[in-house]
Amino acid sequence: KHFSKQGRAAGQVAGAMSRATAVQTAMLGTGLAVPLRTAVPPQAPAPRFAVAPATARPDGSSRRAREATVVVLAGAALSQRPLRRRLRKRLARQAARVALLATGGNADSAAPAWGADDDLSMGISPEELVVPSGFRNRRTGILLLNIGTPASTSVEDVRSYLGRFLADDRVIDIKPPFLKYILLQILLATRPQSSAENYKRIWDPVRGSPLLYNSEDLAKALQHELGDNFLVRIGMAYSEPLVENALRSMAAVGVDDVLLVPMFPHYASSTTGSILANAYRTASEVFCTPFLRVLPPFYDNVLYLDAMRAGIVESIGVGGQEVDHVLFSFHGVPERQCMQTDDTQQTCLRKPDCCASVTRANRNCYRAQCFETARLLARTLELQDGKWSIGFQSRLTLRGTIQWIRPYTDEALGDLARKGVRKLAVLAPSFTADCVETLEELGIQGREQFEEAGGEELVVVPCLNSSPEWVQGLAAMVRDQLVVAVPRAARAVEPKAVAPKGVEPPHEQEGAQELEGTVEKVEVNNR
C-alpha cells in the first residue's frame, strides 16, 4: 500500500524496460509480484514465474531490498540498485536468455550471440534468484472406493465394522434419530454373531477378506495398465485401508489431483453416495485439500458391459445355452432411497412401469439403473425373453419396519425351482468384486434354497474382480474421464454467437484453429 522512495525509483526503471519492449515487470512494496507478458523467442515455451523471499544483506539493506522487489521473467527477484546500474541497455538479451534457461531451452542456440564476458547474474545473489524446477510430470491419483470389510472373522471385529457402517444415515435412513438408535442396538446385539459365521465360510486363510484381496489385485493390475503417470490406491469408508490414509499417502509423493472411482456401477445413497460423502468430508479435513474428480455411474457403459459379457459367456455360454434360466441379482436398498431420487415425485415406485426405461425423473434411481443394466446385458448375451429375470438381495430389516425394493432374490430362487428350472445361473452385476454377498449369500445360502425348492444346480457367475477385460475397460473409463475436450462433431454445429453493439465479433476461423490446437494438446498430454 505504501511505496518508498526506492520503490518509486524501481518502478521508473521498470517503465523504462517496458518502453524498450524487452520485458514488463511489476513491483509491489510488500515483496509480492505479478508476472506479466514478455517477448521470448517463438520456439521457447512460456516461462514460469516465482518470487524470491527478501533476505537480509550484510550491509543491513534488507528493508530496501524488500521494498524494491521486482520480478523479471523466470522469477528472478531483483533489487532496485543493480537494476539502475546494469539493466537499461542489456536487459533485453539477458532477460530473454534467463527465460530460455529457466524453461529448459538451449541458450547456445539463441540469437543474438552472447559474449563470453557477459555477466548473466545481473547482480543477483544465489539466494535471490529463483528458477522454478518445472513440476511438469504430475501424476494423477486413482482412488478405488468401497464400503469396507471386517478386519477378521471375530465377533468383536464384525460388530465394530457393522457399527460404523450401519451408523451412516445414508445406509439406514430412519427418522426420528432415537428410533434408529434403538434399531441399531438391536441389530448390533444379534447380527454380528451370524455375520461372523458367514465370513468364516468364505475367508481365505492366507489373504483374508475376499473383498480386500480382490480390490488389491485390481489396484495392482490397474496400476500396471495405466502406467507411471498414475498412482492407484484403495480407499475403504469403514475399514482399513481408510480413505484418509490413501489421500495422505498420495499427498506424500506429490499427488494432489485425484480421481475418485466408486466400485459400484449403479448410484445408490447407501453405496456410492455414502463413500463419496465420506471421501469429500475426509478430503476437506486435510490441510492441503486435494483436487477431486469423480467417475460417474457406469451401469450402461459399454466397457463395463463388455467386461461383464466376457465373464458370463465363459461360465454359461452365448445365449445362456448351458443353463435353463439366468437371474440377475442386485443388492437391495430401501424403497425410500429410490423415491427420494425422483424430483418430480410422480414416477419412481409410483407407477407400475416406472423402471421400464431411464428417464429424467428416474435417472438417479438405483432400481431403474439396475433394470437398465439387466436389459442391456440380456441383449448383449442374446438371452431370449422369458429366460431371464431380476431379483434384489441382502435386505436388512426388522419385522418389516423397512420396505425394500422388489422382487426379492431369495423368493425368486424358490419360485424358479418350483416352476421347473433345474439349472439356474445367478450373477450379481451390482458388485464388481466378489465378497460375502456373492460368495456366501448367493454361493452357499442361495444354492441351499434353490436345491431345497427342487432345483438341481445353481451356477454363480464370478464378479469382474481383476479380470483382464475389466482391468482394460476400467483403465479406458479412467482415461476417458480425465480427457477434457469438446467433441469435433459438437463444435461443427455450435450456433454462432451474437456480438453486442459496438463489439467486433471474433473471427470464426481463428477461434476454430485455437480450439483445435487446444484439443490436440489435451490429446497429446493424455497419451
Protein backbone atom coordinates (compact mmCIF):
# COMPACT_ATOMS: atom_id res chain seq x y z
CA LYS A 1 0.00 0.00 0.00
CA HIS A 2 2.86 2.38 0.69
CA PHE A 3 5.73 2.89 -1.76
CA SER A 4 9.08 4.09 -0.50
CA LYS A 5 11.43 6.34 -2.42
CA GLN A 6 13.42 3.33 -3.53
CA GLY A 7 10.24 1.60 -4.61
CA ARG A 8 9.26 4.51 -6.85
CA ALA A 9 12.72 4.50 -8.39
CA ALA A 10 12.42 0.82 -9.16
CA GLY A 11 9.07 1.50 -10.77
CA GLN A 12 10.68 4.08 -13.03
CA VAL A 13 13.27 1.51 -14.08
CA ALA A 14 10.51 -0.96 -14.80
CA GLY A 15 8.79 1.62 -17.00
CA ALA A 16 11.98 2.21 -18.92
CA MET A 17 12.32 -1.50 -19.54
CA SER A 18 8.73 -1.70 -20.76
CA ARG A 19 9.30 1.16 -23.21
CA ALA A 20 12.31 -0.76 -24.54
CA THR A 21 9.83 -3.63 -25.37
CA ALA A 22 12.23 -6.04 -23.73
CA VAL A 23 10.23 -7.11 -20.69
CA GLN A 24 7.40 -5.99 -18.48
CA THR A 25 7.80 -6.09 -14.74
CA ALA A 26 5.67 -5.37 -11.75
CA MET A 27 6.74 -4.24 -8.32
CA LEU A 28 4.88 -4.24 -5.02
CA GLY A 29 6.28 -2.83 -1.79
CA THR A 30 5.28 -5.96 0.13
CA GLY A 31 7.70 -8.21 -1.77
CA LEU A 32 4.96 -9.86 -3.84
CA ALA A 33 4.97 -9.63 -7.62
CA VAL A 34 2.65 -10.08 -10.58
CA PRO A 35 4.04 -11.87 -13.67
CA LEU A 36 3.38 -10.07 -16.96
CA ARG A 37 3.94 -10.83 -20.62
CA THR A 38 7.35 -10.67 -22.21
CA ALA A 39 8.96 -11.08 -25.62
CA VAL A 40 10.52 -14.54 -25.90
CA PRO A 41 11.74 -16.48 -28.92
CA PRO A 42 8.86 -18.24 -30.76
CA GLN A 43 10.37 -21.66 -30.15
CA ALA A 44 10.75 -21.22 -26.41
CA PRO A 45 7.93 -22.38 -24.11
CA ALA A 46 6.21 -19.87 -21.87
CA PRO A 47 8.37 -19.07 -18.82
CA ARG A 48 7.24 -19.70 -15.28
CA PHE A 49 7.45 -17.07 -12.57
CA ALA A 50 8.30 -17.15 -8.89
CA VAL A 51 9.28 -14.66 -6.21
CA ALA A 52 12.37 -14.95 -4.05
CA PRO A 53 11.83 -14.10 -0.40
CA ALA A 54 13.50 -10.93 0.80
CA THR A 55 16.65 -11.74 2.76
CA ALA A 56 18.84 -9.60 4.99
CA ARG A 57 22.06 -8.37 3.42
CA PRO A 58 25.42 -7.88 5.15
CA ASP A 59 25.10 -4.08 4.84
CA GLY A 60 21.71 -4.15 6.57
CA SER A 61 19.72 -3.15 3.47
CA SER A 62 17.06 -5.80 3.84
CA ARG A 63 14.34 -3.13 4.08
CA ARG A 64 15.27 -1.57 0.76
CA ALA A 65 15.51 -5.00 -0.86
CA ARG A 66 12.06 -5.91 0.38
CA GLU A 67 10.51 -2.67 -0.75
CA ALA A 68 12.06 -2.74 -4.20
CA THR A 69 11.47 -6.35 -5.20
CA VAL A 70 10.97 -6.62 -8.93
CA VAL A 71 10.19 -9.76 -10.87
CA VAL A 72 11.78 -10.28 -14.28
CA LEU A 73 10.75 -13.47 -16.11
CA ALA A 74 11.61 -16.88 -14.56
CA GLY A 75 11.06 -15.49 -11.08
CA ALA A 76 14.30 -13.51 -10.86
CA ALA A 77 13.94 -11.24 -7.84
CA LEU A 78 15.99 -8.12 -8.49
CA SER A 79 16.81 -5.33 -6.08
CA GLN A 80 16.49 -1.74 -7.24
CA ARG A 81 20.21 -0.86 -7.10
CA PRO A 82 21.52 -3.46 -9.62
CA LEU A 83 18.66 -2.57 -11.94
CA ARG A 84 19.69 1.08 -12.04
CA ARG A 85 23.30 0.30 -12.75
CA ARG A 86 23.16 -2.62 -15.18
CA LEU A 87 19.89 -3.26 -16.88
CA ARG A 88 18.99 -0.24 -19.01
CA LYS A 89 20.92 -1.36 -22.09
CA ARG A 90 21.38 -5.11 -21.62
CA LEU A 91 18.12 -6.30 -20.05
CA ALA A 92 16.52 -7.38 -23.31
CA ARG A 93 19.07 -10.03 -24.28
CA GLN A 94 19.88 -11.11 -20.72
CA ALA A 95 16.25 -11.50 -19.66
CA ALA A 96 15.49 -13.49 -22.80
CA ARG A 97 18.35 -15.87 -22.09
CA VAL A 98 17.32 -16.28 -18.44
CA ALA A 99 13.84 -17.19 -19.62
CA LEU A 100 15.25 -19.70 -22.09
CA LEU A 101 17.44 -21.32 -19.46
CA ALA A 102 14.60 -21.45 -16.91
CA THR A 103 12.33 -23.27 -19.33
CA GLY A 104 14.89 -25.83 -20.38
CA GLY A 105 15.90 -24.29 -23.71
CA ASN A 106 19.34 -24.26 -25.26
CA ALA A 107 20.85 -20.85 -24.66
CA ASP A 108 23.75 -21.54 -27.01
CA SER A 109 21.38 -21.65 -29.99
CA ALA A 110 19.61 -18.42 -29.06
CA ALA A 111 20.16 -15.27 -31.07
CA PRO A 112 21.86 -12.89 -30.75
CA ALA A 113 25.17 -14.50 -29.80
CA TRP A 114 26.36 -13.90 -26.26
CA GLY A 115 29.79 -12.64 -25.36
CA ALA A 116 31.99 -14.66 -23.08
CA ASP A 117 32.44 -11.66 -20.78
CA ASP A 118 28.73 -11.03 -20.34
CA ASP A 119 27.67 -11.11 -16.71
CA LEU A 120 24.42 -13.03 -16.66
CA SER A 121 23.97 -12.83 -12.92
CA MET A 122 22.63 -9.24 -13.26
CA GLY A 123 23.87 -8.54 -9.76
CA ILE A 124 21.61 -11.15 -8.20
CA SER A 125 22.86 -13.29 -5.38
CA PRO A 126 22.08 -17.03 -5.50
CA GLU A 127 19.67 -16.57 -2.59
CA GLU A 128 17.61 -14.07 -4.59
CA LEU A 129 17.46 -15.87 -7.93
CA VAL A 130 14.71 -18.45 -8.07
CA VAL A 131 14.36 -20.70 -11.10
CA PRO A 132 11.32 -22.99 -10.75
CA SER A 133 12.04 -26.66 -11.22
CA GLY A 134 9.07 -27.02 -13.54
CA PHE A 135 6.93 -29.72 -11.91
CA ARG A 136 5.67 -30.92 -15.26
CA ASN A 137 5.38 -34.67 -14.77
CA ARG A 138 2.42 -34.55 -12.42
CA ARG A 139 0.82 -37.86 -11.56
CA THR A 140 -2.91 -38.40 -11.23
CA GLY A 141 -4.20 -40.37 -8.29
CA ILE A 142 -6.83 -43.07 -8.85
CA LEU A 143 -8.65 -43.92 -5.63
CA LEU A 144 -10.80 -47.06 -5.79
CA LEU A 145 -13.58 -46.56 -3.26
CA ASN A 146 -15.56 -49.24 -1.46
CA ILE A 147 -17.55 -49.72 1.73
CA GLY A 148 -15.16 -51.91 3.69
CA THR A 149 -14.80 -55.29 5.35
CA PRO A 150 -14.16 -56.61 8.87
CA ALA A 151 -10.54 -56.96 9.97
CA SER A 152 -11.14 -60.59 10.94
CA THR A 153 -13.92 -63.10 11.48
CA SER A 154 -14.13 -62.48 15.23
CA VAL A 155 -17.48 -61.26 16.55
CA GLU A 156 -15.82 -58.15 18.02
CA ASP A 157 -14.30 -57.10 14.69
CA VAL A 158 -17.53 -57.79 12.83
CA ARG A 159 -19.53 -55.79 15.38
CA SER A 160 -17.06 -52.89 15.16
CA TYR A 161 -17.31 -52.82 11.37
CA LEU A 162 -21.12 -53.10 11.30
CA GLY A 163 -21.38 -50.37 13.93
CA ARG A 164 -19.52 -47.89 11.74
CA PHE A 165 -21.30 -48.97 8.57
CA LEU A 166 -24.87 -49.06 9.83
CA ALA A 167 -24.50 -45.80 11.78
CA ASP A 168 -24.23 -43.90 8.50
CA ASP A 169 -27.52 -42.09 7.87
CA ARG A 170 -27.19 -42.86 4.16
CA VAL A 171 -27.18 -46.59 4.92
CA ILE A 172 -30.06 -46.70 7.41
CA ASP A 173 -32.30 -43.69 6.91
CA ILE A 174 -34.78 -43.82 9.80
CA LYS A 175 -36.45 -40.85 11.43
CA PRO A 176 -36.56 -39.81 14.23
CA PRO A 177 -32.97 -40.48 15.39
CA PHE A 178 -33.93 -42.25 18.60
CA LEU A 179 -35.81 -44.89 16.59
CA LYS A 180 -32.71 -45.55 14.51
CA TYR A 181 -30.64 -45.78 17.69
CA ILE A 182 -32.95 -48.45 19.09
CA LEU A 183 -32.93 -50.43 15.85
CA LEU A 184 -29.15 -50.16 15.61
CA GLN A 185 -28.67 -51.51 19.13
CA ILE A 186 -30.91 -54.47 18.36
CA LEU A 187 -29.01 -55.23 15.14
CA LEU A 188 -25.60 -54.96 16.80
CA ALA A 189 -26.74 -57.28 19.57
CA THR A 190 -27.93 -60.05 17.24
CA ARG A 191 -26.43 -59.75 13.77
CA PRO A 192 -22.62 -59.83 14.40
CA GLN A 193 -22.73 -63.48 15.50
CA SER A 194 -24.39 -64.71 12.33
CA SER A 195 -22.35 -62.38 10.13
CA ALA A 196 -19.11 -63.64 11.68
CA GLU A 197 -20.10 -67.20 10.79
CA ASN A 198 -20.86 -66.13 7.23
CA TYR A 199 -17.44 -64.50 6.90
CA LYS A 200 -15.73 -67.63 8.21
CA ARG A 201 -17.21 -69.64 5.33
CA ILE A 202 -15.58 -67.52 2.66
CA TRP A 203 -12.49 -66.19 4.50
CA ASP A 204 -9.18 -67.05 2.87
CA PRO A 205 -6.72 -68.48 5.45
CA VAL A 206 -3.80 -66.57 3.89
CA ARG A 207 -5.20 -63.43 2.22
CA GLY A 208 -8.21 -62.85 4.46
CA SER A 209 -11.27 -60.95 3.21
CA PRO A 210 -12.19 -61.66 -0.45
CA LEU A 211 -13.33 -58.08 -0.96
CA LEU A 212 -9.98 -56.76 0.22
CA TYR A 213 -7.69 -59.04 -1.74
CA ASN A 214 -9.81 -58.79 -4.88
CA SER A 215 -9.56 -55.00 -4.58
CA GLU A 216 -5.79 -55.24 -4.08
CA ASP A 217 -5.44 -57.42 -7.17
CA LEU A 218 -7.47 -54.93 -9.21
CA ALA A 219 -5.41 -51.97 -7.97
CA LYS A 220 -2.16 -53.73 -8.85
CA ALA A 221 -3.37 -54.71 -12.33
CA LEU A 222 -4.83 -51.26 -12.97
CA GLN A 223 -1.56 -49.61 -11.94
CA HIS A 224 0.30 -51.75 -14.46
CA GLU A 225 -2.26 -50.97 -17.17
CA LEU A 226 -2.27 -47.19 -16.61
CA GLY A 227 1.48 -46.74 -16.18
CA ASP A 228 3.69 -44.47 -14.10
CA ASN A 229 1.68 -41.30 -14.78
CA PHE A 230 -0.97 -42.63 -12.40
CA LEU A 231 -0.95 -43.74 -8.78
CA VAL A 232 -3.65 -46.28 -7.89
CA ARG A 233 -4.74 -46.74 -4.28
CA ILE A 234 -7.63 -48.38 -2.40
CA GLY A 235 -9.83 -46.42 -0.01
CA MET A 236 -12.42 -48.01 2.27
CA ALA A 237 -15.03 -45.93 4.05
CA TYR A 238 -15.38 -48.03 7.22
CA SER A 239 -12.28 -50.21 7.45
CA GLU A 240 -8.60 -50.34 6.58
CA PRO A 241 -7.20 -49.11 4.27
CA LEU A 242 -9.11 -45.92 5.03
CA VAL A 243 -9.71 -43.15 2.52
CA GLU A 244 -7.88 -40.69 4.76
CA ASN A 245 -4.70 -42.77 4.75
CA ALA A 246 -4.89 -43.22 0.98
CA LEU A 247 -5.21 -39.47 0.38
CA ARG A 248 -2.32 -38.72 2.72
CA SER A 249 -0.10 -41.31 1.06
CA MET A 250 -0.82 -39.70 -2.31
CA ALA A 251 -0.03 -36.23 -0.99
CA ALA A 252 3.24 -37.52 0.48
CA VAL A 253 4.51 -38.31 -3.03
CA GLY A 254 3.19 -35.11 -4.61
CA VAL A 255 -0.13 -36.36 -5.98
CA ASP A 256 -2.83 -33.73 -5.46
CA ASP A 257 -5.12 -34.42 -8.45
CA VAL A 258 -7.28 -37.43 -7.55
CA LEU A 259 -10.00 -39.25 -9.47
CA LEU A 260 -12.47 -40.98 -7.15
CA VAL A 261 -13.70 -44.27 -8.60
CA PRO A 262 -16.69 -45.76 -6.70
CA MET A 263 -16.58 -49.50 -7.29
CA PHE A 264 -20.35 -49.66 -7.76
CA PRO A 265 -21.80 -49.44 -11.29
CA HIS A 266 -25.12 -48.01 -10.05
CA TYR A 267 -25.84 -45.00 -7.90
CA ALA A 268 -27.40 -45.55 -4.50
CA SER A 269 -27.27 -43.28 -1.50
CA SER A 270 -26.18 -46.17 0.74
CA THR A 271 -23.25 -47.16 -1.50
CA THR A 272 -21.93 -44.58 -3.98
CA GLY A 273 -23.46 -41.65 -2.11
CA SER A 274 -22.07 -42.85 1.20
CA ILE A 275 -18.49 -43.44 0.08
CA LEU A 276 -18.37 -40.19 -1.91
CA ALA A 277 -19.68 -38.19 1.05
CA ASN A 278 -17.04 -39.83 3.23
CA ALA A 279 -14.30 -39.03 0.69
CA TYR A 280 -15.41 -35.38 0.38
CA ARG A 281 -15.54 -34.98 4.14
CA THR A 282 -12.14 -36.60 4.60
CA ALA A 283 -10.53 -34.50 1.86
CA SER A 284 -11.92 -31.29 3.37
CA GLU A 285 -10.13 -32.04 6.65
CA VAL A 286 -6.71 -32.32 5.01
CA PHE A 287 -4.73 -29.07 5.21
CA CYS A 288 -3.72 -29.20 1.53
CA THR A 289 -7.09 -30.22 0.15
CA PRO A 290 -6.69 -32.48 -2.90
CA PHE A 291 -8.41 -31.70 -6.17
CA LEU A 292 -11.11 -34.32 -6.65
CA ARG A 293 -12.92 -35.63 -9.68
CA VAL A 294 -15.42 -38.50 -9.77
CA LEU A 295 -16.09 -41.33 -12.19
CA PRO A 296 -19.88 -41.30 -12.67
CA PRO A 297 -22.06 -44.45 -12.55
CA PHE A 298 -21.14 -46.80 -15.38
CA TYR A 299 -24.13 -49.17 -15.32
CA ASP A 300 -24.72 -48.60 -19.05
CA ASN A 301 -21.12 -48.08 -20.14
CA VAL A 302 -20.19 -50.39 -23.00
CA LEU A 303 -16.76 -51.04 -21.44
CA TYR A 304 -18.39 -52.35 -18.26
CA LEU A 305 -20.97 -54.36 -20.22
CA ASP A 306 -18.33 -55.94 -22.44
CA ALA A 307 -16.27 -56.98 -19.42
CA MET A 308 -19.39 -58.48 -17.82
CA ARG A 309 -20.28 -60.33 -21.01
CA ALA A 310 -16.83 -61.93 -21.25
CA GLY A 311 -17.12 -63.49 -17.79
CA ILE A 312 -20.73 -64.58 -18.22
CA VAL A 313 -20.17 -66.23 -21.60
CA GLU A 314 -17.23 -68.13 -20.15
CA SER A 315 -19.50 -69.56 -17.44
CA ILE A 316 -22.80 -70.24 -19.26
CA GLY A 317 -22.08 -69.75 -22.98
CA VAL A 318 -23.62 -67.41 -25.53
CA GLY A 319 -27.36 -67.09 -25.06
CA GLY A 320 -27.15 -68.90 -21.73
CA GLN A 321 -27.24 -72.19 -23.60
CA GLU A 322 -25.70 -74.12 -20.72
CA VAL A 323 -28.44 -73.19 -18.21
CA ASP A 324 -32.24 -73.10 -18.12
CA HIS A 325 -32.58 -69.59 -16.76
CA VAL A 326 -30.49 -66.52 -15.81
CA LEU A 327 -31.22 -64.49 -12.68
CA PHE A 328 -29.71 -61.01 -12.36
CA SER A 329 -29.37 -60.45 -8.62
CA PHE A 330 -28.67 -56.88 -7.48
CA HIS A 331 -28.02 -55.61 -3.97
CA GLY A 332 -31.23 -54.30 -2.43
CA VAL A 333 -31.88 -50.84 -0.99
CA PRO A 334 -34.87 -49.39 0.90
CA GLU A 335 -37.70 -48.11 -1.27
CA ARG A 336 -37.40 -44.72 0.39
CA GLN A 337 -33.94 -44.19 -1.10
CA CYS A 338 -35.24 -44.74 -4.61
CA MET A 339 -38.27 -42.49 -4.17
CA GLN A 340 -36.14 -39.63 -2.88
CA THR A 341 -34.18 -39.51 -6.15
CA ASP A 342 -37.35 -38.62 -8.10
CA ASP A 343 -37.52 -34.83 -8.02
CA THR A 344 -40.89 -34.94 -9.79
CA GLN A 345 -42.39 -37.17 -7.07
CA GLN A 346 -44.60 -38.73 -9.73
CA THR A 347 -42.64 -41.63 -11.24
CA CYS A 348 -40.34 -43.68 -9.03
CA LEU A 349 -42.29 -46.56 -7.43
CA ARG A 350 -45.49 -44.61 -8.10
CA LYS A 351 -46.16 -46.19 -11.49
CA PRO A 352 -46.21 -49.91 -12.31
CA ASP A 353 -43.80 -49.41 -15.21
CA CYS A 354 -41.58 -46.81 -13.53
CA CYS A 355 -38.39 -48.73 -14.40
CA ALA A 356 -39.30 -49.63 -17.98
CA SER A 357 -36.71 -47.09 -19.17
CA VAL A 358 -34.37 -44.49 -17.76
CA THR A 359 -35.86 -41.01 -17.97
CA ARG A 360 -35.10 -37.62 -16.48
CA ALA A 361 -37.27 -38.36 -13.46
CA ASN A 362 -35.65 -41.70 -12.56
CA ARG A 363 -32.13 -41.10 -13.93
CA ASN A 364 -30.64 -41.39 -10.41
CA CYS A 365 -32.96 -44.17 -9.23
CA TYR A 366 -30.99 -47.26 -8.26
CA ARG A 367 -33.77 -49.66 -9.23
CA ALA A 368 -34.21 -48.06 -12.67
CA GLN A 369 -30.46 -48.26 -13.33
CA CYS A 370 -30.41 -51.94 -12.31
CA PHE A 371 -33.26 -52.77 -14.68
CA GLU A 372 -31.44 -50.93 -17.47
CA THR A 373 -28.26 -52.96 -16.83
CA ALA A 374 -30.25 -56.20 -16.91
CA ARG A 375 -31.89 -55.27 -20.22
CA LEU A 376 -28.54 -54.32 -21.79
CA LEU A 377 -26.82 -57.48 -20.57
CA ALA A 378 -29.69 -59.67 -21.76
CA ARG A 379 -29.38 -58.06 -25.18
CA THR A 380 -25.60 -58.45 -25.41
CA LEU A 381 -25.85 -62.05 -24.13
CA GLU A 382 -28.60 -62.79 -26.68
CA LEU A 383 -30.96 -64.06 -23.99
CA GLN A 384 -34.47 -64.78 -25.15
CA ASP A 385 -37.46 -63.18 -23.47
CA GLY A 386 -38.62 -65.27 -20.56
CA LYS A 387 -35.19 -66.81 -19.99
CA TRP A 388 -34.01 -64.12 -17.61
CA SER A 389 -35.38 -62.28 -14.59
CA ILE A 390 -34.34 -59.81 -11.87
CA GLY A 391 -34.05 -60.01 -8.09
CA PHE A 392 -32.76 -57.89 -5.20
CA GLN A 393 -30.84 -59.44 -2.31
CA SER A 394 -29.33 -58.58 1.08
CA ARG A 395 -32.32 -56.78 2.56
CA LEU A 396 -31.81 -55.79 6.17
CA THR A 397 -34.93 -55.17 8.20
CA LEU A 398 -36.60 -55.95 11.49
CA ARG A 399 -40.17 -57.26 11.33
CA GLY A 400 -40.98 -55.26 8.24
CA THR A 401 -40.01 -51.86 9.65
CA ILE A 402 -38.25 -51.00 6.35
CA GLN A 403 -39.66 -51.76 2.92
CA TRP A 404 -37.01 -52.83 0.39
CA ILE A 405 -37.26 -52.79 -3.40
CA ARG A 406 -38.70 -55.89 -5.05
CA PRO A 407 -38.66 -58.60 -6.32
CA TYR A 408 -36.55 -60.44 -3.73
CA THR A 409 -33.80 -62.81 -4.82
CA ASP A 410 -34.41 -65.42 -2.13
CA GLU A 411 -38.07 -65.67 -3.13
CA ALA A 412 -37.17 -65.82 -6.83
CA LEU A 413 -34.82 -68.79 -6.22
CA GLY A 414 -37.64 -70.86 -4.77
CA ASP A 415 -40.20 -69.74 -7.34
CA LEU A 416 -37.95 -70.61 -10.31
CA ALA A 417 -37.19 -74.06 -8.90
CA ARG A 418 -40.88 -74.80 -8.39
CA LYS A 419 -41.58 -73.68 -11.98
CA GLY A 420 -39.27 -76.37 -13.31
CA VAL A 421 -35.92 -74.59 -13.67
CA ARG A 422 -33.31 -77.25 -12.95
CA LYS A 423 -30.08 -75.43 -13.78
CA LEU A 424 -30.04 -71.76 -12.82
CA ALA A 425 -27.30 -69.18 -13.37
CA VAL A 426 -27.09 -66.28 -10.91
CA LEU A 427 -24.91 -63.24 -11.49
CA ALA A 428 -24.52 -60.05 -9.47
CA PRO A 429 -23.95 -57.03 -11.75
CA SER A 430 -24.04 -54.53 -8.87
CA PHE A 431 -20.85 -56.00 -7.40
CA THR A 432 -17.51 -55.54 -9.16
CA ALA A 433 -15.65 -57.75 -6.67
CA ASP A 434 -16.68 -61.00 -5.02
CA CYS A 435 -17.49 -60.57 -1.35
CA VAL A 436 -19.66 -62.08 1.37
CA GLU A 437 -22.86 -61.12 -0.52
CA THR A 438 -21.87 -63.09 -3.62
CA LEU A 439 -19.75 -65.93 -2.23
CA GLU A 440 -21.80 -66.74 0.87
CA GLU A 441 -25.27 -65.29 0.39
CA LEU A 442 -25.60 -66.49 -3.22
CA GLY A 443 -22.99 -69.23 -3.46
CA ILE A 444 -23.90 -71.03 -0.22
CA GLN A 445 -27.26 -69.88 1.12
CA GLY A 446 -28.74 -69.34 -2.35
CA ARG A 447 -27.66 -72.78 -3.52
CA GLU A 448 -29.26 -74.39 -0.48
CA GLN A 449 -32.53 -72.51 -1.04
CA PHE A 450 -32.63 -73.44 -4.72
CA GLU A 451 -31.95 -77.12 -4.11
CA GLU A 452 -34.48 -77.32 -1.26
CA ALA A 453 -37.15 -75.97 -3.61
CA GLY A 454 -36.41 -78.66 -6.21
CA GLY A 455 -33.60 -77.20 -8.29
CA GLU A 456 -30.60 -79.29 -9.26
CA GLU A 457 -27.68 -76.92 -9.90
CA LEU A 458 -27.02 -73.26 -9.17
CA VAL A 459 -24.21 -71.64 -11.14
CA VAL A 460 -22.92 -68.46 -9.50
CA VAL A 461 -21.04 -66.43 -12.10
CA PRO A 462 -17.91 -64.78 -10.61
CA CYS A 463 -17.76 -60.99 -10.40
CA LEU A 464 -15.41 -58.90 -12.51
CA ASN A 465 -12.69 -58.87 -9.83
CA SER A 466 -9.38 -58.28 -11.66
CA SER A 467 -10.17 -59.98 -14.97
CA PRO A 468 -8.14 -58.66 -17.95
CA GLU A 469 -11.29 -57.40 -19.66
CA TRP A 470 -12.32 -55.43 -16.58
CA VAL A 471 -8.84 -54.00 -15.98
CA GLN A 472 -8.65 -52.77 -19.57
CA GLY A 473 -12.22 -51.46 -19.51
CA LEU A 474 -11.77 -49.62 -16.20
CA ALA A 475 -8.48 -48.12 -17.41
CA ALA A 476 -10.25 -46.86 -20.54
CA MET A 477 -13.03 -45.31 -18.44
CA VAL A 478 -10.45 -43.58 -16.26
CA ARG A 479 -8.65 -42.14 -19.28
CA ASP A 480 -11.92 -41.03 -20.85
CA GLN A 481 -12.91 -39.24 -17.64
CA LEU A 482 -9.63 -37.33 -17.50
CA VAL A 483 -9.81 -36.09 -21.11
CA VAL A 484 -11.46 -32.67 -21.22
CA ALA A 485 -12.15 -31.69 -24.81
CA VAL A 486 -15.05 -30.53 -26.92
CA PRO A 487 -16.09 -33.20 -29.44
CA ARG A 488 -15.35 -32.22 -33.00
CA ALA A 489 -18.89 -33.02 -34.17
CA ALA A 490 -20.37 -30.85 -31.45
CA ARG A 491 -18.12 -27.93 -32.38
CA ALA A 492 -19.20 -28.16 -36.02
CA VAL A 493 -22.84 -27.44 -35.20
CA GLU A 494 -22.42 -24.88 -32.45
CA PRO A 495 -24.63 -21.79 -33.00
CA LYS A 496 -22.95 -18.55 -33.89
CA ALA A 497 -22.51 -16.08 -31.06
CA VAL A 498 -24.20 -12.71 -31.47
CA ALA A 499 -21.88 -9.85 -30.53
CA PRO A 500 -23.28 -6.85 -28.65
CA LYS A 501 -23.46 -3.49 -30.35
CA GLY A 502 -20.11 -1.79 -30.67
CA VAL A 503 -18.21 -5.06 -30.12
CA GLU A 504 -16.49 -6.65 -33.07
CA PRO A 505 -17.41 -10.38 -33.36
CA PRO A 506 -14.49 -12.80 -33.05
CA HIS A 507 -13.02 -14.24 -36.19
CA GLU A 508 -14.56 -17.68 -36.60
CA GLN A 509 -11.60 -19.22 -38.38
CA GLU A 510 -9.08 -18.08 -35.77
CA GLY A 511 -11.30 -19.30 -32.95
CA ALA A 512 -11.70 -22.70 -34.58
CA GLN A 513 -7.94 -23.01 -35.09
CA GLU A 514 -7.27 -22.06 -31.48
CA LEU A 515 -9.81 -24.58 -30.16
CA GLU A 516 -8.45 -27.26 -32.47
CA GLY A 517 -4.96 -26.66 -31.11
CA THR A 518 -6.24 -26.89 -27.55
CA VAL A 519 -7.92 -30.23 -28.22
CA GLU A 520 -4.77 -31.57 -29.85
CA LYS A 521 -2.67 -30.53 -26.84
CA VAL A 522 -5.10 -32.26 -24.48
CA GLU A 523 -4.99 -35.44 -26.54
CA VAL A 524 -1.18 -35.40 -26.64
CA ASN A 525 -0.95 -34.87 -22.89
CA ASN A 526 -3.40 -37.71 -22.30
CA ARG A 527 -1.34 -40.09 -24.39
